Amino acid sequence: MTQTIQIHDHAHAEDGDRLCMSRRQFLLSGGALVTLAALPGFAQAQAIQAGFKRQKIAKLSALKVGEPVTFNYPFADVRNLLVKLGTPGGGGIGADKDIVAFNQQCTHMGGPLDGTYKPKYQALGPCPLHLTTFDLSRHGMVISGHATESLPQIVLEVKGDDIYATGVMGLVYGHASIGKA
């Protein structure tokens, strides 16, 4: 007894049987999407941010340019770095928008980045596992190495002289979700 298996060949499919979009449909759809995204106010990107309990992490007056302060947030095992860059940074707070905070685990394989801050370059790394380095002045984006994701940025808030951590933008390596603590 012989069994027949039908295989759909996209190249020879009839127009009515097409299983995927044509090159022309793809280009037209892509062009329309780019046009819509360029319209003012239409495509305001919002970062995915997890809200956690607000936690006091430092005093504004105690920060010195290029001298990082470490803290744990949102969980006891999650190590982070707070630093006053001296120049405005993406997501920065304070009068000069130069105070930022990031998780200290590489997004590639969770390698420890503790003690690797380079004030001259405003960079964190290289990771001891695969040498990824991150730019803290540009939302923790990858400068070089194997990682494909930026470092999770800690959302900060200033109240008087106190600095608070209020959330995390991105996934912290080793944690399955970004839900509430």
N, C-alpha and C. Protein backbone atom coordinates (compact mmCIF):
# COMPACT_ATOMS: atom_id res chain seq x y z
N MET A 1 0.84 -1.17 0.00
CA MET A 1 0.00 0.00 0.00
C MET A 1 0.89 1.23 0.00
N THR A 2 0.62 2.15 -0.89
CA THR A 2 1.41 3.37 -1.03
C THR A 2 0.62 4.56 -0.50
N GLN A 3 1.32 5.43 0.23
CA GLN A 3 0.67 6.62 0.77
C GLN A 3 1.20 7.84 0.03
N THR A 4 0.30 8.74 -0.35
CA THR A 4 0.68 9.94 -1.08
C THR A 4 0.72 11.12 -0.12
N ILE A 5 1.82 11.88 -0.17
CA ILE A 5 1.96 13.07 0.66
C ILE A 5 2.01 14.27 -0.27
N GLN A 6 1.17 15.26 -0.02
CA GLN A 6 1.18 16.47 -0.84
C GLN A 6 2.13 17.48 -0.24
N ILE A 7 2.98 18.04 -1.07
CA ILE A 7 3.92 19.08 -0.65
C ILE A 7 3.54 20.34 -1.39
N HIS A 8 3.37 21.44 -0.67
CA HIS A 8 3.03 22.72 -1.29
C HIS A 8 4.30 23.41 -1.74
N ASP A 9 4.44 23.61 -2.99
CA ASP A 9 5.58 24.30 -3.56
C ASP A 9 5.15 25.75 -3.82
N HIS A 10 5.71 26.70 -3.05
CA HIS A 10 5.33 28.11 -3.16
C HIS A 10 5.60 28.67 -4.55
N ALA A 11 6.65 28.20 -5.20
CA ALA A 11 7.01 28.74 -6.50
C ALA A 11 5.99 28.36 -7.57
N HIS A 12 5.32 27.23 -7.42
CA HIS A 12 4.37 26.76 -8.43
C HIS A 12 2.92 26.86 -7.98
N ALA A 13 2.67 27.53 -6.87
CA ALA A 13 1.29 27.64 -6.37
C ALA A 13 0.50 28.57 -7.27
N GLU A 14 -0.76 28.28 -7.42
CA GLU A 14 -1.66 29.15 -8.16
C GLU A 14 -1.89 30.40 -7.33
N ASP A 15 -2.25 31.52 -7.96
CA ASP A 15 -2.45 32.77 -7.23
C ASP A 15 -3.43 32.61 -6.08
N GLY A 16 -4.46 31.82 -6.26
CA GLY A 16 -5.44 31.62 -5.20
C GLY A 16 -4.93 30.75 -4.07
N ASP A 17 -3.87 29.96 -4.33
CA ASP A 17 -3.34 29.04 -3.33
C ASP A 17 -2.13 29.59 -2.59
N ARG A 18 -1.77 30.84 -2.86
CA ARG A 18 -0.53 31.38 -2.30
C ARG A 18 -0.55 31.32 -0.78
N LEU A 19 0.49 30.75 -0.18
CA LEU A 19 0.57 30.57 1.26
C LEU A 19 1.32 31.71 1.95
N CYS A 20 2.02 32.51 1.19
CA CYS A 20 2.74 33.63 1.78
C CYS A 20 2.63 34.84 0.85
N MET A 21 3.02 36.00 1.35
CA MET A 21 2.87 37.20 0.53
C MET A 21 3.96 37.27 -0.54
N SER A 22 3.62 37.91 -1.62
CA SER A 22 4.58 38.07 -2.72
C SER A 22 5.59 39.15 -2.36
N ARG A 23 6.64 39.24 -3.13
CA ARG A 23 7.65 40.27 -2.94
C ARG A 23 7.03 41.65 -3.06
N ARG A 24 6.14 41.81 -4.02
CA ARG A 24 5.46 43.10 -4.24
C ARG A 24 4.60 43.46 -3.02
N GLN A 25 3.84 42.50 -2.49
CA GLN A 25 3.02 42.76 -1.31
C GLN A 25 3.89 43.14 -0.11
N PHE A 26 5.01 42.44 0.02
CA PHE A 26 5.92 42.73 1.12
C PHE A 26 6.46 44.15 1.03
N LEU A 27 6.91 44.54 -0.16
CA LEU A 27 7.47 45.88 -0.34
C LEU A 27 6.42 46.97 -0.12
N LEU A 28 5.20 46.74 -0.63
CA LEU A 28 4.14 47.73 -0.44
C LEU A 28 3.75 47.84 1.03
N SER A 29 3.65 46.71 1.71
CA SER A 29 3.31 46.72 3.13
C SER A 29 4.40 47.40 3.95
N GLY A 30 5.65 47.08 3.64
CA GLY A 30 6.77 47.69 4.36
C GLY A 30 6.83 49.19 4.14
N GLY A 31 6.61 49.62 2.90
CA GLY A 31 6.60 51.05 2.60
C GLY A 31 5.49 51.79 3.33
N ALA A 32 4.33 51.17 3.39
CA ALA A 32 3.20 51.78 4.10
C ALA A 32 3.51 51.89 5.59
N LEU A 33 4.12 50.87 6.16
CA LEU A 33 4.46 50.89 7.58
C LEU A 33 5.48 51.99 7.88
N VAL A 34 6.50 52.12 7.05
CA VAL A 34 7.52 53.16 7.25
C VAL A 34 6.89 54.54 7.14
N THR A 35 5.98 54.72 6.18
CA THR A 35 5.31 56.01 6.01
C THR A 35 4.48 56.34 7.24
N LEU A 36 3.73 55.38 7.76
CA LEU A 36 2.91 55.62 8.95
C LEU A 36 3.78 55.92 10.17
N ALA A 37 4.89 55.21 10.29
CA ALA A 37 5.77 55.41 11.44
C ALA A 37 6.41 56.79 11.42
N ALA A 38 6.56 57.37 10.23
CA ALA A 38 7.18 58.69 10.11
C ALA A 38 6.23 59.83 10.47
N LEU A 39 4.93 59.55 10.54
CA LEU A 39 3.97 60.59 10.87
C LEU A 39 4.16 61.02 12.32
N PRO A 40 4.16 62.34 12.58
CA PRO A 40 4.37 62.82 13.95
C PRO A 40 3.30 62.28 14.90
N GLY A 41 3.75 61.80 16.03
CA GLY A 41 2.84 61.34 17.06
C GLY A 41 2.27 59.95 16.84
N PHE A 42 2.45 59.39 15.66
CA PHE A 42 1.86 58.08 15.36
C PHE A 42 2.62 56.95 16.03
N ALA A 43 3.94 57.02 15.95
CA ALA A 43 4.75 55.90 16.44
C ALA A 43 5.63 56.31 17.60
N GLN A 44 5.06 56.75 18.67
CA GLN A 44 5.85 57.09 19.84
C GLN A 44 6.19 55.79 20.56
N ALA A 45 7.46 55.42 20.49
CA ALA A 45 7.90 54.17 21.09
C ALA A 45 7.94 54.29 22.60
N GLN A 46 7.48 53.27 23.26
CA GLN A 46 7.53 53.22 24.70
C GLN A 46 8.33 51.99 25.09
N ALA A 47 9.24 52.18 26.03
CA ALA A 47 10.05 51.06 26.49
C ALA A 47 9.20 50.14 27.37
N ILE A 48 9.48 48.86 27.28
CA ILE A 48 8.82 47.91 28.16
C ILE A 48 9.46 48.08 29.52
N GLN A 49 8.65 48.41 30.49
CA GLN A 49 9.17 48.68 31.82
C GLN A 49 8.37 47.92 32.86
N ALA A 50 9.08 47.27 33.74
CA ALA A 50 8.40 46.59 34.84
C ALA A 50 8.46 47.48 36.06
N GLY A 51 7.31 47.65 36.67
CA GLY A 51 7.25 48.44 37.89
C GLY A 51 7.48 47.53 39.10
N PHE A 52 8.33 47.96 39.97
CA PHE A 52 8.60 47.24 41.19
C PHE A 52 8.40 48.21 42.35
N LYS A 53 8.55 47.73 43.55
CA LYS A 53 8.47 48.61 44.71
C LYS A 53 9.54 49.69 44.59
N ARG A 54 9.17 50.87 44.99
CA ARG A 54 10.11 51.99 44.99
C ARG A 54 11.13 51.76 46.11
N GLN A 55 12.41 51.94 45.78
CA GLN A 55 13.46 51.68 46.76
C GLN A 55 14.49 52.80 46.74
N LYS A 56 14.79 53.36 47.91
CA LYS A 56 15.82 54.39 48.02
C LYS A 56 17.18 53.73 47.83
N ILE A 57 18.01 54.30 46.93
CA ILE A 57 19.29 53.65 46.65
C ILE A 57 20.50 54.53 46.91
N ALA A 58 20.34 55.86 46.95
CA ALA A 58 21.50 56.73 47.16
C ALA A 58 21.06 58.15 47.46
N LYS A 59 22.05 58.97 47.82
CA LYS A 59 21.85 60.41 48.02
C LYS A 59 22.48 61.14 46.85
N LEU A 60 21.77 62.08 46.29
CA LEU A 60 22.26 62.87 45.16
C LEU A 60 23.56 63.58 45.52
N SER A 61 23.60 64.15 46.71
CA SER A 61 24.77 64.93 47.15
C SER A 61 26.01 64.06 47.36
N ALA A 62 25.85 62.75 47.52
CA ALA A 62 26.99 61.86 47.77
C ALA A 62 27.64 61.36 46.49
N LEU A 63 26.99 61.55 45.35
CA LEU A 63 27.53 61.04 44.08
C LEU A 63 28.68 61.91 43.56
N LYS A 64 29.70 61.24 43.05
CA LYS A 64 30.83 61.92 42.42
C LYS A 64 30.96 61.39 41.00
N VAL A 65 31.31 62.26 40.07
CA VAL A 65 31.44 61.87 38.66
C VAL A 65 32.42 60.71 38.52
N GLY A 66 31.97 59.67 37.82
CA GLY A 66 32.82 58.52 37.52
C GLY A 66 33.02 57.53 38.64
N GLU A 67 32.39 57.75 39.81
CA GLU A 67 32.52 56.81 40.92
C GLU A 67 31.21 56.07 41.12
N PRO A 68 31.14 54.82 40.67
CA PRO A 68 29.88 54.06 40.74
C PRO A 68 29.50 53.65 42.15
N VAL A 69 28.20 53.53 42.35
CA VAL A 69 27.62 53.04 43.60
C VAL A 69 26.85 51.77 43.25
N THR A 70 27.06 50.70 43.99
CA THR A 70 26.35 49.45 43.71
C THR A 70 25.15 49.31 44.65
N PHE A 71 24.12 48.65 44.15
CA PHE A 71 22.91 48.39 44.94
C PHE A 71 22.19 47.19 44.37
N ASN A 72 21.34 46.57 45.17
CA ASN A 72 20.55 45.42 44.72
C ASN A 72 19.12 45.87 44.52
N TYR A 73 18.56 45.55 43.35
CA TYR A 73 17.19 45.92 43.02
C TYR A 73 16.80 45.18 41.75
N PRO A 74 15.64 44.72 41.54
CA PRO A 74 14.46 44.69 42.39
C PRO A 74 14.44 43.51 43.36
N PHE A 75 15.39 42.59 43.20
CA PHE A 75 15.48 41.44 44.10
C PHE A 75 16.85 41.47 44.78
N ALA A 76 16.99 40.73 45.87
CA ALA A 76 18.23 40.73 46.64
C ALA A 76 19.43 40.20 45.85
N ASP A 77 19.19 39.34 44.85
CA ASP A 77 20.30 38.76 44.09
C ASP A 77 20.61 39.50 42.79
N VAL A 78 19.97 40.63 42.55
CA VAL A 78 20.18 41.39 41.31
C VAL A 78 21.07 42.59 41.60
N ARG A 79 22.30 42.54 41.08
CA ARG A 79 23.30 43.57 41.32
C ARG A 79 23.21 44.66 40.25
N ASN A 80 23.27 45.91 40.71
CA ASN A 80 23.17 47.04 39.79
C ASN A 80 24.23 48.08 40.10
N LEU A 81 24.38 49.01 39.17
CA LEU A 81 25.38 50.06 39.29
C LEU A 81 24.70 51.40 39.03
N LEU A 82 24.91 52.37 39.91
CA LEU A 82 24.44 53.75 39.75
C LEU A 82 25.68 54.60 39.53
N VAL A 83 25.64 55.46 38.52
CA VAL A 83 26.82 56.27 38.25
C VAL A 83 26.43 57.65 37.73
N LYS A 84 27.19 58.65 38.15
CA LYS A 84 27.06 60.01 37.63
C LYS A 84 28.11 60.11 36.53
N LEU A 85 27.62 60.21 35.28
CA LEU A 85 28.50 60.17 34.12
C LEU A 85 29.31 61.45 33.92
N GLY A 86 28.72 62.59 34.25
CA GLY A 86 29.38 63.87 33.99
C GLY A 86 28.92 64.51 32.70
N THR A 87 28.24 63.73 31.85
CA THR A 87 27.62 64.23 30.61
C THR A 87 26.23 63.60 30.53
N PRO A 88 25.29 64.25 29.85
CA PRO A 88 23.94 63.68 29.78
C PRO A 88 23.95 62.26 29.20
N GLY A 89 23.12 61.42 29.80
CA GLY A 89 23.01 60.03 29.35
C GLY A 89 21.57 59.67 29.07
N GLY A 90 21.34 58.70 28.22
CA GLY A 90 19.99 58.24 27.90
C GLY A 90 19.27 57.77 29.15
N GLY A 91 18.13 58.38 29.44
CA GLY A 91 17.36 58.03 30.62
C GLY A 91 17.93 58.61 31.90
N GLY A 92 18.87 59.55 31.77
CA GLY A 92 19.52 60.13 32.94
C GLY A 92 18.60 61.05 33.74
N ILE A 93 18.89 61.15 35.03
CA ILE A 93 18.12 62.03 35.92
C ILE A 93 19.07 63.05 36.53
N GLY A 94 18.50 63.95 37.32
CA GLY A 94 19.29 64.99 37.97
C GLY A 94 19.32 66.23 37.11
N ALA A 95 19.89 67.30 37.63
CA ALA A 95 19.93 68.59 36.94
C ALA A 95 20.62 68.48 35.57
N ASP A 96 21.66 67.67 35.48
CA ASP A 96 22.41 67.53 34.23
C ASP A 96 22.01 66.29 33.43
N LYS A 97 21.00 65.55 33.90
CA LYS A 97 20.53 64.33 33.23
C LYS A 97 21.68 63.34 33.02
N ASP A 98 22.58 63.29 34.00
CA ASP A 98 23.78 62.45 33.85
C ASP A 98 23.88 61.30 34.86
N ILE A 99 22.81 61.04 35.61
CA ILE A 99 22.83 59.96 36.59
C ILE A 99 22.00 58.80 36.04
N VAL A 100 22.65 57.65 35.86
CA VAL A 100 22.01 56.47 35.28
C VAL A 100 22.31 55.24 36.13
N ALA A 101 21.50 54.21 35.94
CA ALA A 101 21.72 52.95 36.67
C ALA A 101 21.40 51.77 35.74
N PHE A 102 22.22 50.72 35.86
CA PHE A 102 22.07 49.54 35.02
C PHE A 102 22.33 48.27 35.81
N ASN A 103 21.77 47.18 35.32
CA ASN A 103 22.03 45.86 35.87
C ASN A 103 23.47 45.49 35.52
N GLN A 104 24.11 44.70 36.40
CA GLN A 104 25.51 44.33 36.19
C GLN A 104 25.70 42.88 35.76
N GLN A 105 24.76 42.35 34.98
CA GLN A 105 24.94 41.02 34.41
C GLN A 105 24.82 41.14 32.90
N CYS A 106 25.77 40.58 32.21
CA CYS A 106 25.77 40.62 30.75
C CYS A 106 24.50 39.96 30.22
N THR A 107 23.92 40.58 29.21
CA THR A 107 22.68 40.05 28.64
C THR A 107 22.90 38.84 27.75
N HIS A 108 24.15 38.53 27.43
CA HIS A 108 24.42 37.38 26.57
C HIS A 108 24.30 36.07 27.34
N MET A 109 25.11 35.91 28.39
CA MET A 109 25.07 34.68 29.18
C MET A 109 25.14 34.94 30.67
N GLY A 110 24.85 36.16 31.09
CA GLY A 110 24.80 36.47 32.51
C GLY A 110 26.13 36.65 33.20
N GLY A 111 27.18 36.87 32.42
CA GLY A 111 28.50 37.07 33.02
C GLY A 111 28.52 38.29 33.93
N PRO A 112 29.30 38.24 35.02
CA PRO A 112 29.35 39.35 35.97
C PRO A 112 30.13 40.54 35.40
N LEU A 113 29.53 41.72 35.51
CA LEU A 113 30.18 42.94 35.04
C LEU A 113 30.66 43.81 36.22
N ASP A 114 30.57 43.28 37.42
CA ASP A 114 30.99 44.00 38.62
C ASP A 114 32.44 44.45 38.49
N GLY A 115 32.71 45.71 38.82
CA GLY A 115 34.07 46.24 38.81
C GLY A 115 34.64 46.51 37.44
N THR A 116 33.82 46.52 36.39
CA THR A 116 34.35 46.72 35.03
C THR A 116 34.01 48.10 34.46
N TYR A 117 33.48 49.02 35.29
CA TYR A 117 33.11 50.34 34.78
C TYR A 117 34.35 51.13 34.38
N LYS A 118 34.32 51.72 33.19
CA LYS A 118 35.41 52.54 32.66
C LYS A 118 34.91 53.98 32.54
N PRO A 119 35.23 54.86 33.52
CA PRO A 119 34.72 56.23 33.50
C PRO A 119 35.13 57.02 32.26
N LYS A 120 36.33 56.80 31.77
CA LYS A 120 36.81 57.55 30.59
C LYS A 120 35.90 57.32 29.39
N TYR A 121 35.38 56.11 29.25
CA TYR A 121 34.54 55.75 28.10
C TYR A 121 33.06 55.65 28.45
N GLN A 122 32.72 55.82 29.72
CA GLN A 122 31.34 55.67 30.21
C GLN A 122 30.77 54.32 29.77
N ALA A 123 31.58 53.30 29.93
CA ALA A 123 31.24 51.95 29.48
C ALA A 123 31.36 50.95 30.62
N LEU A 124 30.59 49.88 30.50
CA LEU A 124 30.64 48.78 31.45
C LEU A 124 31.10 47.54 30.68
N GLY A 125 32.14 46.91 31.16
CA GLY A 125 32.67 45.73 30.51
C GLY A 125 34.16 45.88 30.29
N PRO A 126 34.78 44.91 29.68
CA PRO A 126 34.18 43.79 28.97
C PRO A 126 33.75 42.67 29.91
N CYS A 127 32.75 41.93 29.46
CA CYS A 127 32.27 40.77 30.19
C CYS A 127 33.39 39.72 30.16
N PRO A 128 33.65 39.05 31.28
CA PRO A 128 34.72 38.05 31.31
C PRO A 128 34.44 36.80 30.47
N LEU A 129 33.18 36.58 30.08
CA LEU A 129 32.86 35.39 29.30
C LEU A 129 33.13 35.56 27.80
N HIS A 130 32.60 36.63 27.22
CA HIS A 130 32.75 36.80 25.76
C HIS A 130 33.06 38.24 25.36
N LEU A 131 33.51 39.03 26.30
CA LEU A 131 34.06 40.37 26.07
C LEU A 131 33.05 41.43 25.59
N THR A 132 31.77 41.27 25.91
CA THR A 132 30.80 42.30 25.54
C THR A 132 30.99 43.52 26.42
N THR A 133 30.90 44.69 25.78
CA THR A 133 31.02 45.98 26.47
C THR A 133 29.78 46.80 26.16
N PHE A 134 29.30 47.57 27.14
CA PHE A 134 28.05 48.33 27.02
C PHE A 134 28.28 49.82 27.24
N ASP A 135 27.60 50.65 26.47
CA ASP A 135 27.69 52.11 26.56
C ASP A 135 26.62 52.63 27.52
N LEU A 136 27.02 53.14 28.68
CA LEU A 136 26.06 53.59 29.68
C LEU A 136 25.47 54.96 29.35
N SER A 137 26.08 55.70 28.44
CA SER A 137 25.54 57.00 28.06
C SER A 137 24.42 56.87 27.02
N ARG A 138 24.26 55.67 26.46
CA ARG A 138 23.26 55.43 25.40
C ARG A 138 22.36 54.25 25.76
N HIS A 139 21.74 54.33 26.90
CA HIS A 139 20.78 53.33 27.38
C HIS A 139 21.38 51.93 27.51
N GLY A 140 22.68 51.82 27.75
CA GLY A 140 23.30 50.51 27.95
C GLY A 140 23.42 49.66 26.71
N MET A 141 23.46 50.31 25.54
CA MET A 141 23.54 49.54 24.30
C MET A 141 24.90 48.87 24.14
N VAL A 142 24.91 47.80 23.35
CA VAL A 142 26.13 47.02 23.12
C VAL A 142 27.11 47.83 22.27
N ILE A 143 28.35 47.91 22.74
CA ILE A 143 29.43 48.54 21.96
C ILE A 143 30.11 47.47 21.12
N SER A 144 30.44 46.35 21.77
CA SER A 144 31.08 45.23 21.07
C SER A 144 30.84 43.96 21.86
N GLY A 145 31.02 42.83 21.20
CA GLY A 145 30.87 41.55 21.87
C GLY A 145 29.69 40.75 21.37
N HIS A 146 29.37 39.66 22.06
CA HIS A 146 28.36 38.72 21.61
C HIS A 146 26.93 39.09 21.99
N ALA A 147 26.73 39.93 22.98
CA ALA A 147 25.37 40.27 23.42
C ALA A 147 24.62 40.98 22.30
N THR A 148 23.32 40.74 22.25
CA THR A 148 22.47 41.39 21.24
C THR A 148 21.45 42.32 21.88
N GLU A 149 21.38 42.31 23.21
CA GLU A 149 20.43 43.14 23.95
C GLU A 149 21.19 44.16 24.80
N SER A 150 20.62 45.34 24.94
CA SER A 150 21.18 46.35 25.84
C SER A 150 21.03 45.87 27.28
N LEU A 151 21.83 46.46 28.16
CA LEU A 151 21.69 46.15 29.58
C LEU A 151 20.35 46.64 30.09
N PRO A 152 19.71 45.92 31.00
CA PRO A 152 18.48 46.43 31.60
C PRO A 152 18.79 47.72 32.37
N GLN A 153 18.04 48.77 32.07
CA GLN A 153 18.26 50.06 32.73
C GLN A 153 17.29 50.19 33.90
N ILE A 154 17.82 50.63 35.01
CA ILE A 154 17.00 50.85 36.20
C ILE A 154 16.37 52.24 36.08
N VAL A 155 15.06 52.30 36.23
CA VAL A 155 14.34 53.57 36.15
C VAL A 155 14.54 54.29 37.48
N LEU A 156 15.00 55.55 37.39
CA LEU A 156 15.33 56.32 38.58
C LEU A 156 14.40 57.51 38.75
N GLU A 157 14.31 57.96 39.99
CA GLU A 157 13.49 59.13 40.33
C GLU A 157 14.22 59.89 41.43
N VAL A 158 14.18 61.22 41.37
CA VAL A 158 14.81 62.05 42.40
C VAL A 158 13.72 62.76 43.20
N LYS A 159 13.82 62.69 44.52
CA LYS A 159 12.93 63.42 45.43
C LYS A 159 13.84 64.13 46.42
N GLY A 160 13.99 65.44 46.26
CA GLY A 160 14.92 66.19 47.12
C GLY A 160 16.34 65.72 46.87
N ASP A 161 16.98 65.17 47.90
CA ASP A 161 18.36 64.67 47.77
C ASP A 161 18.40 63.15 47.63
N ASP A 162 17.25 62.51 47.65
CA ASP A 162 17.18 61.05 47.59
C ASP A 162 16.96 60.55 46.16
N ILE A 163 17.65 59.47 45.82
CA ILE A 163 17.48 58.81 44.52
C ILE A 163 16.78 57.48 44.77
N TYR A 164 15.72 57.24 44.02
CA TYR A 164 14.93 56.02 44.16
C TYR A 164 14.97 55.21 42.86
N ALA A 165 14.99 53.89 43.00
CA ALA A 165 14.79 52.98 41.87
C ALA A 165 13.30 52.68 41.86
N THR A 166 12.66 52.80 40.67
CA THR A 166 11.21 52.59 40.60
C THR A 166 10.80 51.52 39.59
N GLY A 167 11.72 51.04 38.79
CA GLY A 167 11.38 50.03 37.80
C GLY A 167 12.59 49.58 37.01
N VAL A 168 12.38 48.65 36.10
CA VAL A 168 13.44 48.12 35.26
C VAL A 168 12.96 48.11 33.81
N MET A 169 13.78 48.66 32.90
CA MET A 169 13.48 48.59 31.47
C MET A 169 14.28 47.45 30.88
N GLY A 170 13.61 46.38 30.53
CA GLY A 170 14.27 45.21 29.98
C GLY A 170 14.22 44.03 30.93
N LEU A 171 14.68 42.91 30.45
CA LEU A 171 14.69 41.68 31.25
C LEU A 171 16.04 41.51 31.94
N VAL A 172 16.00 41.17 33.21
CA VAL A 172 17.21 40.90 33.97
C VAL A 172 17.59 39.43 33.73
N TYR A 173 18.84 39.20 33.35
CA TYR A 173 19.29 37.84 33.04
C TYR A 173 19.03 36.91 34.22
N GLY A 174 18.44 35.76 33.94
CA GLY A 174 18.19 34.76 34.97
C GLY A 174 16.82 34.87 35.63
N HIS A 175 16.05 35.88 35.26
CA HIS A 175 14.71 36.04 35.81
C HIS A 175 13.72 35.89 34.67
N ALA A 176 12.72 35.04 34.88
CA ALA A 176 11.80 34.65 33.82
C ALA A 176 10.82 35.73 33.40
N SER A 177 10.56 36.71 34.25
CA SER A 177 9.57 37.72 33.88
C SER A 177 9.95 39.07 34.44
N ILE A 178 9.19 40.07 34.03
CA ILE A 178 9.43 41.42 34.52
C ILE A 178 8.24 41.89 35.33
N GLY A 179 7.54 40.95 35.96
CA GLY A 179 6.35 41.27 36.74
C GLY A 179 6.69 41.97 38.04
N LYS A 180 5.67 42.25 38.80
CA LYS A 180 5.80 42.97 40.08
C LYS A 180 6.52 42.10 41.11
N ALA A 181 7.25 42.77 41.96
CA ALA A 181 7.96 42.06 43.04
C ALA A 181 7.05 41.86 44.22
